Amino acid sequence: MTSRLRPTLSLECARETTIRMNDDNQALRIFTWIVPRVNSTALTKCMGFVEDTVVWMEPYMTCQLNDTFYNPEWRKGDPLAEKMRKDVDSNMKDPEIMKMFESGMARAAQQDNLFPQENFTQQWVKEKLEDSEPGKKFIFIKDQSEAISDHLERLPENVPTRHTFLIRHPREVYTSWKNMVTSALHPLDPLPWDECHAANDMYHMAVPEFYQTQYRLWKHVKEHIDHEAIVIDGHDLASNPDVILPKLFEKLGIPFKESYLEWSGDPELVYSTWKGSPVVVIFPSYSDVTSRAVHCTKFEAPKNPRGVSKPEWEITNELKEYIEGAMPFYEEMYAERLT
């Protein structure tokens, strides 16, 4: 079985950062570092309705897309990378997809919250997150753990920050991920389950290492950046938001209101307020990537117990390998989760 394995990151080389929690003139930057499919977009939508809060949607992951997915020189000649480019090129020739793409680009030119994809470099994001937000108390940034792990020197400096980590049982994550992958690059003709490979068909991400990367980032953040970094389990949050959310807000210094447990389902409130590229703010909501979360009005309780996936989502060979490899990292973080 072929899979892409990225070299282990060197987190130790990143310089230490100081948290400043009592600067009344600066909004608190709240980072939520994730692996995919952990109910993070639902949490992001909730945060979008918190008073005096600005939301950023995966700005560092957008940089990684520019470095890999949209970079014609990235792994040039690699059969899996070339196949990915071929799939993308084929999609862009479809009139319906092209119309969607052009609509998103047009919105980016008209709305202050959306920025052109080409703007996104790690240094540009760092500077944007260091910018002041007059009248705002909180800046919520949801992002992929792997997108920052090689670029810790590009985290914002000299501004108050807190860090949270959103986890979920690997069996739930990897099966949901594979289900998403079946249509992510083939929206008009999804791949059959047994013909889709969870890593090779989403080659620009280090899929087998999702949990190892998040774990090592968590360890580094706790030691060097935020000694009180918070771990939340996405299954816990979705099952008991009335318990988990108030505790999370208390730890972050956010005044909690019962109204934060439900919100409007209008996706226009997302498209017009979340900051980021239309590639991550708008386009994923047109597919299974984030469509349910963007339209949701509350946290939806899981139908299965923790660690149980849908029976129709067969555990294929690569899923078995990734789930087993992830469990030790997940279990150590789970033991320190907010309860």
C-alpha atoms as a PDB file:
ATOM      1  CA  MET A   1       0.000   0.000   0.000  1.00  0.00           C
ATOM      2  CA  THR A   2       1.339   3.390  -0.975  1.00  0.00           C
ATOM      3  CA  SER A   3       0.949   6.295   1.420  1.00  0.00           C
ATOM      4  CA  ARG A   4       2.503   9.688   1.853  1.00  0.00           C
ATOM      5  CA  LEU A   5       4.545  10.123   5.024  1.00  0.00           C
ATOM      6  CA  ARG A   6       5.980  13.538   5.797  1.00  0.00           C
ATOM      7  CA  PRO A   7       9.175  13.797   7.854  1.00  0.00           C
ATOM      8  CA  THR A   8       8.634  14.355  11.571  1.00  0.00           C
ATOM      9  CA  LEU A   9       8.538  18.040  12.409  1.00  0.00           C
ATOM     10  CA  SER A  10      11.084  19.747  14.588  1.00  0.00           C
ATOM     11  CA  LEU A  11       8.894  21.661  17.014  1.00  0.00           C
ATOM     12  CA  GLU A  12      11.791  22.176  19.386  1.00  0.00           C
ATOM     13  CA  CYS A  13      13.378  24.738  17.086  1.00  0.00           C
ATOM     14  CA  ALA A  14      10.471  27.187  17.420  1.00  0.00           C
ATOM     15  CA  ARG A  15      11.148  30.072  19.753  1.00  0.00           C
ATOM     16  CA  GLU A  16       9.209  30.484  22.957  1.00  0.00           C
ATOM     17  CA  THR A  17       6.302  32.900  23.105  1.00  0.00           C
ATOM     18  CA  THR A  18       4.903  34.782  26.086  1.00  0.00           C
ATOM     19  CA  ILE A  19       1.175  34.999  26.774  1.00  0.00           C
ATOM     20  CA  ARG A  20      -0.126  38.363  27.825  1.00  0.00           C
ATOM     21  CA  MET A  21      -3.552  37.903  29.325  1.00  0.00           C
ATOM     22  CA  ASN A  22      -4.283  41.286  30.869  1.00  0.00           C
ATOM     23  CA  ASP A  23      -3.863  43.734  28.010  1.00  0.00           C
ATOM     24  CA  ASP A  24      -7.180  45.552  27.868  1.00  0.00           C
ATOM     25  CA  ASN A  25      -6.280  47.124  24.521  1.00  0.00           C
ATOM     26  CA  GLN A  26      -5.846  43.848  22.685  1.00  0.00           C
ATOM     27  CA  ALA A  27      -8.369  41.202  21.742  1.00  0.00           C
ATOM     28  CA  LEU A  28      -7.531  37.731  23.030  1.00  0.00           C
ATOM     29  CA  ARG A  29      -6.482  35.429  20.171  1.00  0.00           C
ATOM     30  CA  ILE A  30      -8.026  32.002  20.781  1.00  0.00           C
ATOM     31  CA  PHE A  31      -6.501  29.264  18.639  1.00  0.00           C
ATOM     32  CA  THR A  32      -8.310  25.962  18.245  1.00  0.00           C
ATOM     33  CA  TRP A  33      -5.977  23.375  16.715  1.00  0.00           C
ATOM     34  CA  ILE A  34      -7.656  20.384  15.152  1.00  0.00           C
ATOM     35  CA  VAL A  35      -7.421  17.238  13.152  1.00  0.00           C
ATOM     36  CA  PRO A  36     -10.169  17.059  10.516  1.00  0.00           C
ATOM     37  CA  ARG A  37     -13.708  15.857  11.233  1.00  0.00           C
ATOM     38  CA  VAL A  38     -13.857  16.738  14.949  1.00  0.00           C
ATOM     39  CA  ASN A  39     -16.995  18.964  14.901  1.00  0.00           C
ATOM     40  CA  SER A  40     -14.728  22.005  14.634  1.00  0.00           C
ATOM     41  CA  THR A  41     -16.841  23.911  12.102  1.00  0.00           C
ATOM     42  CA  ALA A  42     -19.879  23.664  14.395  1.00  0.00           C
ATOM     43  CA  LEU A  43     -17.779  25.134  17.215  1.00  0.00           C
ATOM     44  CA  THR A  44     -16.564  27.841  14.837  1.00  0.00           C
ATOM     45  CA  LYS A  45     -20.131  28.675  13.891  1.00  0.00           C
ATOM     46  CA  CYS A  46     -21.054  28.921  17.559  1.00  0.00           C
ATOM     47  CA  MET A  47     -18.132  31.268  18.174  1.00  0.00           C
ATOM     48  CA  GLY A  48     -19.307  33.467  15.316  1.00  0.00           C
ATOM     49  CA  PHE A  49     -22.343  34.381  17.421  1.00  0.00           C
ATOM     50  CA  VAL A  50     -20.395  35.226  20.575  1.00  0.00           C
ATOM     51  CA  GLU A  51     -20.463  38.940  21.312  1.00  0.00           C
ATOM     52  CA  ASP A  52     -17.401  40.992  20.368  1.00  0.00           C
ATOM     53  CA  THR A  53     -15.777  38.080  18.502  1.00  0.00           C
ATOM     54  CA  VAL A  54     -14.059  37.854  15.118  1.00  0.00           C
ATOM     55  CA  VAL A  55     -13.677  34.438  13.446  1.00  0.00           C
ATOM     56  CA  TRP A  56     -10.838  33.300  11.201  1.00  0.00           C
ATOM     57  CA  MET A  57     -11.326  30.079   9.231  1.00  0.00           C
ATOM     58  CA  GLU A  58      -8.139  28.025   8.761  1.00  0.00           C
ATOM     59  CA  PRO A  59      -5.761  30.769   7.587  1.00  0.00           C
ATOM     60  CA  TYR A  60      -2.624  28.647   8.032  1.00  0.00           C
ATOM     61  CA  MET A  61      -4.222  25.713   6.225  1.00  0.00           C
ATOM     62  CA  THR A  62      -4.917  28.095   3.373  1.00  0.00           C
ATOM     63  CA  CYS A  63      -1.176  28.796   3.238  1.00  0.00           C
ATOM     64  CA  GLN A  64      -0.487  25.068   3.147  1.00  0.00           C
ATOM     65  CA  LEU A  65      -2.879  24.725   0.216  1.00  0.00           C
ATOM     66  CA  ASN A  66      -0.828  27.333  -1.636  1.00  0.00           C
ATOM     67  CA  ASP A  67       2.377  25.490  -0.795  1.00  0.00           C
ATOM     68  CA  THR A  68       1.050  22.108  -1.944  1.00  0.00           C
ATOM     69  CA  PHE A  69      -2.356  21.750  -3.563  1.00  0.00           C
ATOM     70  CA  TYR A  70      -2.102  24.869  -5.750  1.00  0.00           C
ATOM     71  CA  ASN A  71       1.655  24.692  -6.292  1.00  0.00           C
ATOM     72  CA  PRO A  72       2.466  23.100  -9.690  1.00  0.00           C
ATOM     73  CA  GLU A  73       6.049  22.436  -8.555  1.00  0.00           C
ATOM     74  CA  TRP A  74       5.099  20.588  -5.364  1.00  0.00           C
ATOM     75  CA  ARG A  75       6.211  16.951  -5.672  1.00  0.00           C
ATOM     76  CA  LYS A  76       6.317  17.363  -9.420  1.00  0.00           C
ATOM     77  CA  GLY A  77       6.549  13.976 -11.094  1.00  0.00           C
ATOM     78  CA  ASP A  78       5.131  12.112  -8.096  1.00  0.00           C
ATOM     79  CA  PRO A  79       2.312   9.919  -9.514  1.00  0.00           C
ATOM     80  CA  LEU A  80      -0.074  10.646  -6.645  1.00  0.00           C
ATOM     81  CA  ALA A  81       0.547  14.398  -6.781  1.00  0.00           C
ATOM     82  CA  GLU A  82       0.100  14.408 -10.558  1.00  0.00           C
ATOM     83  CA  LYS A  83      -3.155  12.452 -10.219  1.00  0.00           C
ATOM     84  CA  MET A  84      -4.406  15.024  -7.717  1.00  0.00           C
ATOM     85  CA  ARG A  85      -3.590  17.852 -10.140  1.00  0.00           C
ATOM     86  CA  LYS A  86      -5.345  16.005 -12.942  1.00  0.00           C
ATOM     87  CA  ASP A  87      -8.482  15.626 -10.819  1.00  0.00           C
ATOM     88  CA  VAL A  88      -8.422  19.329  -9.922  1.00  0.00           C
ATOM     89  CA  ASP A  89      -7.957  20.358 -13.561  1.00  0.00           C
ATOM     90  CA  SER A  90     -10.838  18.110 -14.595  1.00  0.00           C
ATOM     91  CA  ASN A  91     -13.122  19.651 -11.974  1.00  0.00           C
ATOM     92  CA  MET A  92     -12.273  23.179 -13.043  1.00  0.00           C
ATOM     93  CA  LYS A  93     -13.454  22.409 -16.578  1.00  0.00           C
ATOM     94  CA  ASP A  94     -16.944  21.612 -15.341  1.00  0.00           C
ATOM     95  CA  PRO A  95     -19.287  24.608 -15.923  1.00  0.00           C
ATOM     96  CA  GLU A  96     -21.102  24.195 -12.594  1.00  0.00           C
ATOM     97  CA  ILE A  97     -17.898  24.077 -10.568  1.00  0.00           C
ATOM     98  CA  MET A  98     -16.386  26.949 -12.539  1.00  0.00           C
ATOM     99  CA  LYS A  99     -19.485  29.057 -11.843  1.00  0.00           C
ATOM    100  CA  MET A 100     -19.193  28.330  -8.121  1.00  0.00           C
ATOM    101  CA  PHE A 101     -15.495  29.188  -8.166  1.00  0.00           C
ATOM    102  CA  GLU A 102     -16.015  32.471 -10.014  1.00  0.00           C
ATOM    103  CA  SER A 103     -18.837  33.437  -7.639  1.00  0.00           C
ATOM    104  CA  GLY A 104     -16.582  32.921  -4.640  1.00  0.00           C
ATOM    105  CA  MET A 105     -13.776  34.918  -6.194  1.00  0.00           C
ATOM    106  CA  ALA A 106     -16.182  37.751  -6.957  1.00  0.00           C
ATOM    107  CA  ARG A 107     -17.317  37.809  -3.337  1.00  0.00           C
ATOM    108  CA  ALA A 108     -13.719  37.969  -2.172  1.00  0.00           C
ATOM    109  CA  ALA A 109     -13.269  41.130  -4.185  1.00  0.00           C
ATOM    110  CA  GLN A 110     -16.359  42.749  -2.642  1.00  0.00           C
ATOM    111  CA  GLN A 111     -16.276  41.679   1.023  1.00  0.00           C
ATOM    112  CA  ASP A 112     -13.812  42.875   3.639  1.00  0.00           C
ATOM    113  CA  ASN A 113     -13.857  39.513   5.436  1.00  0.00           C
ATOM    114  CA  LEU A 114     -12.668  37.523   2.393  1.00  0.00           C
ATOM    115  CA  PHE A 115      -9.166  37.714   0.958  1.00  0.00           C
ATOM    116  CA  PRO A 116      -7.677  36.441  -2.311  1.00  0.00           C
ATOM    117  CA  GLN A 117      -6.139  32.996  -2.064  1.00  0.00           C
ATOM    118  CA  GLU A 118      -2.779  34.276  -3.304  1.00  0.00           C
ATOM    119  CA  ASN A 119      -2.469  36.604  -0.285  1.00  0.00           C
ATOM    120  CA  PHE A 120      -2.028  33.679   2.063  1.00  0.00           C
ATOM    121  CA  THR A 121       1.526  33.136   3.200  1.00  0.00           C
ATOM    122  CA  GLN A 122       2.430  32.259   6.768  1.00  0.00           C
ATOM    123  CA  GLN A 123       4.014  35.688   7.275  1.00  0.00           C
ATOM    124  CA  TRP A 124       0.933  37.484   5.896  1.00  0.00           C
ATOM    125  CA  VAL A 125      -1.319  35.505   8.264  1.00  0.00           C
ATOM    126  CA  LYS A 126       0.954  36.283  11.215  1.00  0.00           C
ATOM    127  CA  GLU A 127       0.714  39.998  10.496  1.00  0.00           C
ATOM    128  CA  LYS A 128      -3.072  39.878  10.000  1.00  0.00           C
ATOM    129  CA  LEU A 129      -3.517  38.088  13.338  1.00  0.00           C
ATOM    130  CA  GLU A 130      -1.329  40.686  15.039  1.00  0.00           C
ATOM    131  CA  ASP A 131      -3.520  43.503  13.684  1.00  0.00           C
ATOM    132  CA  SER A 132      -5.835  45.141  16.177  1.00  0.00           C
ATOM    133  CA  GLU A 133      -9.591  44.580  15.938  1.00  0.00           C
ATOM    134  CA  PRO A 134     -11.172  47.765  17.342  1.00  0.00           C
ATOM    135  CA  GLY A 135     -14.209  47.056  19.473  1.00  0.00           C
ATOM    136  CA  LYS A 136     -13.542  43.312  19.611  1.00  0.00           C
ATOM    137  CA  LYS A 137     -12.558  41.296  22.680  1.00  0.00           C
ATOM    138  CA  PHE A 138     -11.882  37.915  21.086  1.00  0.00           C
ATOM    139  CA  ILE A 139     -10.364  36.646  17.839  1.00  0.00           C
ATOM    140  CA  PHE A 140     -11.186  32.973  17.303  1.00  0.00           C
ATOM    141  CA  ILE A 141      -8.923  31.088  14.894  1.00  0.00           C
ATOM    142  CA  LYS A 142      -9.764  27.516  13.899  1.00  0.00           C
ATOM    143  CA  ASP A 143      -6.965  25.754  12.064  1.00  0.00           C
ATOM    144  CA  GLN A 144      -5.360  22.423  11.226  1.00  0.00           C
ATOM    145  CA  SER A 145      -2.575  21.295  13.554  1.00  0.00           C
ATOM    146  CA  GLU A 146      -0.409  20.192  10.646  1.00  0.00           C
ATOM    147  CA  ALA A 147      -0.643  23.589   8.961  1.00  0.00           C
ATOM    148  CA  ILE A 148       1.256  25.412  11.733  1.00  0.00           C
ATOM    149  CA  SER A 149       3.613  22.718  13.008  1.00  0.00           C
ATOM    150  CA  ASP A 150       6.414  23.564  10.584  1.00  0.00           C
ATOM    151  CA  HIS A 151       5.811  27.319  10.931  1.00  0.00           C
ATOM    152  CA  LEU A 152       5.594  28.066  14.649  1.00  0.00           C
ATOM    153  CA  GLU A 153       7.742  31.165  14.197  1.00  0.00           C
ATOM    154  CA  ARG A 154       4.801  32.552  12.196  1.00  0.00           C
ATOM    155  CA  LEU A 155       2.395  32.572  15.130  1.00  0.00           C
ATOM    156  CA  PRO A 156       1.414  36.114  16.175  1.00  0.00           C
ATOM    157  CA  GLU A 157       3.704  37.738  18.727  1.00  0.00           C
ATOM    158  CA  ASN A 158       3.252  40.386  21.421  1.00  0.00           C
ATOM    159  CA  VAL A 159      -0.511  39.871  21.577  1.00  0.00           C
ATOM    160  CA  PRO A 160      -2.529  37.888  24.152  1.00  0.00           C
ATOM    161  CA  THR A 161      -3.178  34.294  23.054  1.00  0.00           C
ATOM    162  CA  ARG A 162      -4.762  31.101  24.333  1.00  0.00           C
ATOM    163  CA  HIS A 163      -4.627  27.664  22.729  1.00  0.00           C
ATOM    164  CA  THR A 164      -7.222  24.904  22.658  1.00  0.00           C
ATOM    165  CA  PHE A 165      -7.065  21.487  21.012  1.00  0.00           C
ATOM    166  CA  LEU A 166     -10.117  19.732  19.625  1.00  0.00           C
ATOM    167  CA  ILE A 167      -9.868  15.948  19.408  1.00  0.00           C
ATOM    168  CA  ARG A 168     -12.151  13.045  18.545  1.00  0.00           C
ATOM    169  CA  HIS A 169     -11.797   9.262  18.577  1.00  0.00           C
ATOM    170  CA  PRO A 170      -9.659   8.157  15.593  1.00  0.00           C
ATOM    171  CA  ARG A 171     -12.253   5.663  14.378  1.00  0.00           C
ATOM    172  CA  GLU A 172     -14.846   8.430  14.134  1.00  0.00           C
ATOM    173  CA  VAL A 173     -12.382  10.809  12.492  1.00  0.00           C
ATOM    174  CA  TYR A 174     -10.821   8.535   9.906  1.00  0.00           C
ATOM    175  CA  THR A 175     -14.087   6.970   8.717  1.00  0.00           C
ATOM    176  CA  SER A 176     -15.737  10.384   8.436  1.00  0.00           C
ATOM    177  CA  TRP A 177     -12.627  11.663   6.673  1.00  0.00           C
ATOM    178  CA  LYS A 178     -12.728   8.853   4.109  1.00  0.00           C
ATOM    179  CA  ASN A 179     -16.419   9.469   3.498  1.00  0.00           C
ATOM    180  CA  MET A 180     -15.606  13.115   2.799  1.00  0.00           C
ATOM    181  CA  VAL A 181     -12.662  12.195   0.563  1.00  0.00           C
ATOM    182  CA  THR A 182     -14.866  10.071  -1.717  1.00  0.00           C
ATOM    183  CA  SER A 183     -16.394  13.266  -3.089  1.00  0.00           C
ATOM    184  CA  ALA A 184     -13.919  16.025  -2.209  1.00  0.00           C
ATOM    185  CA  LEU A 185     -12.029  15.891  -5.516  1.00  0.00           C
ATOM    186  CA  HIS A 186     -14.860  14.147  -7.358  1.00  0.00           C
ATOM    187  CA  PRO A 187     -17.945  16.183  -6.415  1.00  0.00           C
ATOM    188  CA  LEU A 188     -19.934  15.195  -9.485  1.00  0.00           C
ATOM    189  CA  ASP A 189     -18.925  11.531  -9.517  1.00  0.00           C
ATOM    190  CA  PRO A 190     -17.924  10.339  -6.017  1.00  0.00           C
ATOM    191  CA  LEU A 191     -15.522   7.433  -5.712  1.00  0.00           C
ATOM    192  CA  PRO A 192     -16.835   4.100  -4.433  1.00  0.00           C
ATOM    193  CA  TRP A 193     -15.747   3.463  -0.840  1.00  0.00           C
ATOM    194  CA  ASP A 194     -13.463   0.554  -1.709  1.00  0.00           C
ATOM    195  CA  GLU A 195     -11.799   2.503  -4.523  1.00  0.00           C
ATOM    196  CA  CYS A 196     -11.039   5.547  -2.368  1.00  0.00           C
ATOM    197  CA  HIS A 197      -7.827   5.741  -0.343  1.00  0.00           C
ATOM    198  CA  ALA A 198      -7.995   7.989   2.715  1.00  0.00           C
ATOM    199  CA  ALA A 199      -4.462   9.347   2.222  1.00  0.00           C
ATOM    200  CA  ASN A 200      -3.561   8.899  -1.437  1.00  0.00           C
ATOM    201  CA  ASP A 201      -6.727  10.626  -2.670  1.00  0.00           C
ATOM    202  CA  MET A 202      -6.062  13.668  -0.451  1.00  0.00           C
ATOM    203  CA  TYR A 203      -2.343  13.705  -0.991  1.00  0.00           C
ATOM    204  CA  HIS A 204      -1.574  17.272   0.072  1.00  0.00           C
ATOM    205  CA  MET A 205      -2.254  16.414   3.720  1.00  0.00           C
ATOM    206  CA  ALA A 206      -0.256  14.060   5.956  1.00  0.00           C
ATOM    207  CA  VAL A 207      -3.288  11.905   6.718  1.00  0.00           C
ATOM    208  CA  PRO A 208      -1.526   8.997   8.502  1.00  0.00           C
ATOM    209  CA  GLU A 209       0.118  11.484  10.893  1.00  0.00           C
ATOM    210  CA  PHE A 210      -2.883  13.625  11.864  1.00  0.00           C
ATOM    211  CA  TYR A 211      -2.772  12.619  15.519  1.00  0.00           C
ATOM    212  CA  GLN A 212       0.987  12.437  15.952  1.00  0.00           C
ATOM    213  CA  THR A 213       1.282  15.966  14.590  1.00  0.00           C
ATOM    214  CA  GLN A 214      -1.484  17.323  16.821  1.00  0.00           C
ATOM    215  CA  TYR A 215      -0.027  15.544  19.857  1.00  0.00           C
ATOM    216  CA  ARG A 216       3.447  16.976  19.354  1.00  0.00           C
ATOM    217  CA  LEU A 217       2.016  20.447  18.787  1.00  0.00           C
ATOM    218  CA  TRP A 218       0.006  20.121  22.008  1.00  0.00           C
ATOM    219  CA  LYS A 219       3.088  19.072  23.956  1.00  0.00           C
ATOM    220  CA  HIS A 220       5.100  21.979  22.581  1.00  0.00           C
ATOM    221  CA  VAL A 221       2.367  24.536  23.241  1.00  0.00           C
ATOM    222  CA  LYS A 222       1.926  23.361  26.829  1.00  0.00           C
ATOM    223  CA  GLU A 223       5.658  23.574  27.503  1.00  0.00           C
ATOM    224  CA  HIS A 224       6.536  26.788  25.691  1.00  0.00           C
ATOM    225  CA  ILE A 225       3.457  28.863  24.874  1.00  0.00           C
ATOM    226  CA  ASP A 226       0.319  28.203  26.936  1.00  0.00           C
ATOM    227  CA  HIS A 227       0.827  26.068  30.030  1.00  0.00           C
ATOM    228  CA  GLU A 228      -2.945  25.879  30.462  1.00  0.00           C
ATOM    229  CA  ALA A 229      -3.767  24.763  26.918  1.00  0.00           C
ATOM    230  CA  ILE A 230      -7.225  23.182  26.859  1.00  0.00           C
ATOM    231  CA  VAL A 231      -8.208  19.858  25.287  1.00  0.00           C
ATOM    232  CA  ILE A 232     -11.826  19.293  24.226  1.00  0.00           C
ATOM    233  CA  ASP A 233     -13.230  16.079  22.809  1.00  0.00           C
ATOM    234  CA  GLY A 234     -15.566  16.754  19.894  1.00  0.00           C
ATOM    235  CA  HIS A 235     -17.835  13.876  20.904  1.00  0.00           C
ATOM    236  CA  ASP A 236     -18.168  15.332  24.408  1.00  0.00           C
ATOM    237  CA  LEU A 237     -18.882  18.784  23.017  1.00  0.00           C
ATOM    238  CA  ALA A 238     -21.568  17.566  20.626  1.00  0.00           C
ATOM    239  CA  SER A 239     -23.129  15.304  23.292  1.00  0.00           C
ATOM    240  CA  ASN A 240     -23.141  17.812  26.161  1.00  0.00           C
ATOM    241  CA  PRO A 241     -22.628  21.347  24.870  1.00  0.00           C
ATOM    242  CA  ASP A 242     -24.549  22.753  27.845  1.00  0.00           C
ATOM    243  CA  VAL A 243     -21.823  21.324  30.090  1.00  0.00           C
ATOM    244  CA  ILE A 244     -18.651  21.653  28.002  1.00  0.00           C
ATOM    245  CA  LEU A 245     -19.198  25.070  26.425  1.00  0.00           C
ATOM    246  CA  PRO A 246     -19.704  27.039  29.686  1.00  0.00           C
ATOM    247  CA  LYS A 247     -16.600  25.394  31.176  1.00  0.00           C
ATOM    248  CA  LEU A 248     -14.579  26.220  28.082  1.00  0.00           C
ATOM    249  CA  PHE A 249     -15.752  29.828  28.121  1.00  0.00           C
ATOM    250  CA  GLU A 250     -14.936  30.165  31.804  1.00  0.00           C
ATOM    251  CA  LYS A 251     -11.368  29.011  31.204  1.00  0.00           C
ATOM    252  CA  LEU A 252     -11.020  31.439  28.299  1.00  0.00           C
ATOM    253  CA  GLY A 253     -12.589  34.371  30.128  1.00  0.00           C
ATOM    254  CA  ILE A 254     -15.585  34.594  27.788  1.00  0.00           C
ATOM    255  CA  PRO A 255     -18.909  35.510  29.458  1.00  0.00           C
ATOM    256  CA  PHE A 256     -21.296  32.640  28.687  1.00  0.00           C
ATOM    257  CA  LYS A 257     -24.921  33.043  27.628  1.00  0.00           C
ATOM    258  CA  GLU A 258     -27.495  30.283  27.145  1.00  0.00           C
ATOM    259  CA  SER A 259     -28.235  31.781  23.732  1.00  0.00           C
ATOM    260  CA  TYR A 260     -24.821  30.587  22.549  1.00  0.00           C
ATOM    261  CA  LEU A 261     -26.178  27.023  22.515  1.00  0.00           C
ATOM    262  CA  GLU A 262     -28.354  27.798  19.477  1.00  0.00           C
ATOM    263  CA  TRP A 263     -27.872  30.118  16.527  1.00  0.00           C
ATOM    264  CA  SER A 264     -29.120  31.018  13.062  1.00  0.00           C
ATOM    265  CA  GLY A 265     -28.741  28.451  10.289  1.00  0.00           C
ATOM    266  CA  ASP A 266     -28.327  31.099   7.589  1.00  0.00           C
ATOM    267  CA  PRO A 267     -25.030  30.372   5.803  1.00  0.00           C
ATOM    268  CA  GLU A 268     -24.855  33.985   4.628  1.00  0.00           C
ATOM    269  CA  LEU A 269     -23.931  34.933   8.189  1.00  0.00           C
ATOM    270  CA  VAL A 270     -20.876  32.708   7.754  1.00  0.00           C
ATOM    271  CA  TYR A 271     -19.963  33.913   4.281  1.00  0.00           C
ATOM    272  CA  SER A 272     -20.248  37.578   5.242  1.00  0.00           C
ATOM    273  CA  THR A 273     -18.398  37.534   8.577  1.00  0.00           C
ATOM    274  CA  TRP A 274     -15.816  34.741   8.823  1.00  0.00           C
ATOM    275  CA  LYS A 275     -12.385  35.890   7.753  1.00  0.00           C
ATOM    276  CA  GLY A 276     -10.343  33.832   5.316  1.00  0.00           C
ATOM    277  CA  SER A 277     -10.131  32.766   1.713  1.00  0.00           C
ATOM    278  CA  PRO A 278     -13.326  31.789  -0.115  1.00  0.00           C
ATOM    279  CA  VAL A 279     -11.541  28.486  -0.743  1.00  0.00           C
ATOM    280  CA  VAL A 280     -12.028  27.595   2.945  1.00  0.00           C
ATOM    281  CA  VAL A 281     -14.912  29.868   3.999  1.00  0.00           C
ATOM    282  CA  ILE A 282     -17.322  29.280   1.103  1.00  0.00           C
ATOM    283  CA  PHE A 283     -16.401  26.394  -1.195  1.00  0.00           C
ATOM    284  CA  PRO A 284     -16.339  23.521   1.368  1.00  0.00           C
ATOM    285  CA  SER A 285     -19.916  24.340   2.383  1.00  0.00           C
ATOM    286  CA  TYR A 286     -21.082  23.478  -1.138  1.00  0.00           C
ATOM    287  CA  SER A 287     -20.084  19.848  -0.488  1.00  0.00           C
ATOM    288  CA  ASP A 288     -19.939  17.296   2.324  1.00  0.00           C
ATOM    289  CA  VAL A 289     -16.830  18.947   3.755  1.00  0.00           C
ATOM    290  CA  THR A 290     -18.639  21.545   5.906  1.00  0.00           C
ATOM    291  CA  SER A 291     -22.167  21.852   4.487  1.00  0.00           C
ATOM    292  CA  ARG A 292     -23.971  20.412   7.520  1.00  0.00           C
ATOM    293  CA  ALA A 293     -21.962  22.464   9.996  1.00  0.00           C
ATOM    294  CA  VAL A 294     -22.360  25.739   8.106  1.00  0.00           C
ATOM    295  CA  HIS A 295     -26.140  25.261   8.003  1.00  0.00           C
ATOM    296  CA  CYS A 296     -26.471  23.910  11.555  1.00  0.00           C
ATOM    297  CA  THR A 297     -28.323  25.747  14.322  1.00  0.00           C
ATOM    298  CA  LYS A 298     -26.861  23.909  17.325  1.00  0.00           C
ATOM    299  CA  PHE A 299     -24.509  21.107  18.276  1.00  0.00           C
ATOM    300  CA  GLU A 300     -26.015  17.814  17.090  1.00  0.00           C
ATOM    301  CA  ALA A 301     -25.727  14.905  19.525  1.00  0.00           C
ATOM    302  CA  PRO A 302     -23.870  11.927  17.988  1.00  0.00           C
ATOM    303  CA  LYS A 303     -26.015   8.938  17.052  1.00  0.00           C
ATOM    304  CA  ASN A 304     -23.328   6.446  18.052  1.00  0.00           C
ATOM    305  CA  PRO A 305     -21.245   6.061  21.231  1.00  0.00           C
ATOM    306  CA  ARG A 306     -17.698   7.411  21.271  1.00  0.00           C
ATOM    307  CA  GLY A 307     -15.403   5.282  19.155  1.00  0.00           C
ATOM    308  CA  VAL A 308     -18.205   3.777  17.058  1.00  0.00           C
ATOM    309  CA  SER A 309     -18.575   4.715  13.395  1.00  0.00           C
ATOM    310  CA  LYS A 310     -21.394   4.125  10.944  1.00  0.00           C
ATOM    311  CA  PRO A 311     -21.683   0.405  10.141  1.00  0.00           C
ATOM    312  CA  GLU A 312     -21.714   1.097   6.401  1.00  0.00           C
ATOM    313  CA  TRP A 313     -18.270   2.723   6.679  1.00  0.00           C
ATOM    314  CA  GLU A 314     -16.126  -0.383   6.372  1.00  0.00           C
ATOM    315  CA  ILE A 315     -12.741  -0.293   8.098  1.00  0.00           C
ATOM    316  CA  THR A 316     -10.441  -0.759   5.117  1.00  0.00           C
ATOM    317  CA  ASN A 317      -6.772  -1.663   5.444  1.00  0.00           C
ATOM    318  CA  GLU A 318      -5.461   1.887   5.467  1.00  0.00           C
ATOM    319  CA  LEU A 319      -8.102   2.999   7.967  1.00  0.00           C
ATOM    320  CA  LYS A 320      -7.173   0.176  10.317  1.00  0.00           C
ATOM    321  CA  GLU A 321      -3.507   1.202  10.105  1.00  0.00           C
ATOM    322  CA  TYR A 322      -4.218   4.885  10.736  1.00  0.00           C
ATOM    323  CA  ILE A 323      -6.678   4.285  13.591  1.00  0.00           C
ATOM    324  CA  GLU A 324      -4.329   1.938  15.430  1.00  0.00           C
ATOM    325  CA  GLY A 325      -1.397   4.309  14.953  1.00  0.00           C
ATOM    326  CA  ALA A 326      -3.392   7.263  16.261  1.00  0.00           C
ATOM    327  CA  MET A 327      -4.829   5.707  19.407  1.00  0.00           C
ATOM    328  CA  PRO A 328      -1.865   6.253  21.802  1.00  0.00           C
ATOM    329  CA  PHE A 329      -1.695   9.966  20.932  1.00  0.00           C
ATOM    330  CA  TYR A 330      -5.453  10.397  21.193  1.00  0.00           C
ATOM    331  CA  GLU A 331      -5.736   8.519  24.487  1.00  0.00           C
ATOM    332  CA  GLU A 332      -3.121  10.655  26.230  1.00  0.00           C
ATOM    333  CA  MET A 333      -4.844  13.855  25.126  1.00  0.00           C
ATOM    334  CA  TYR A 334      -8.278  12.412  25.963  1.00  0.00           C
ATOM    335  CA  ALA A 335      -7.131  11.757  29.529  1.00  0.00           C
ATOM    336  CA  GLU A 336      -6.539  15.524  29.932  1.00  0.00           C
ATOM    337  CA  ARG A 337      -9.696  16.705  28.231  1.00  0.00           C
ATOM    338  CA  LEU A 338     -12.114  19.219  29.705  1.00  0.00           C
ATOM    339  CA  THR A 339     -14.964  17.428  31.475  1.00  0.00           C
END
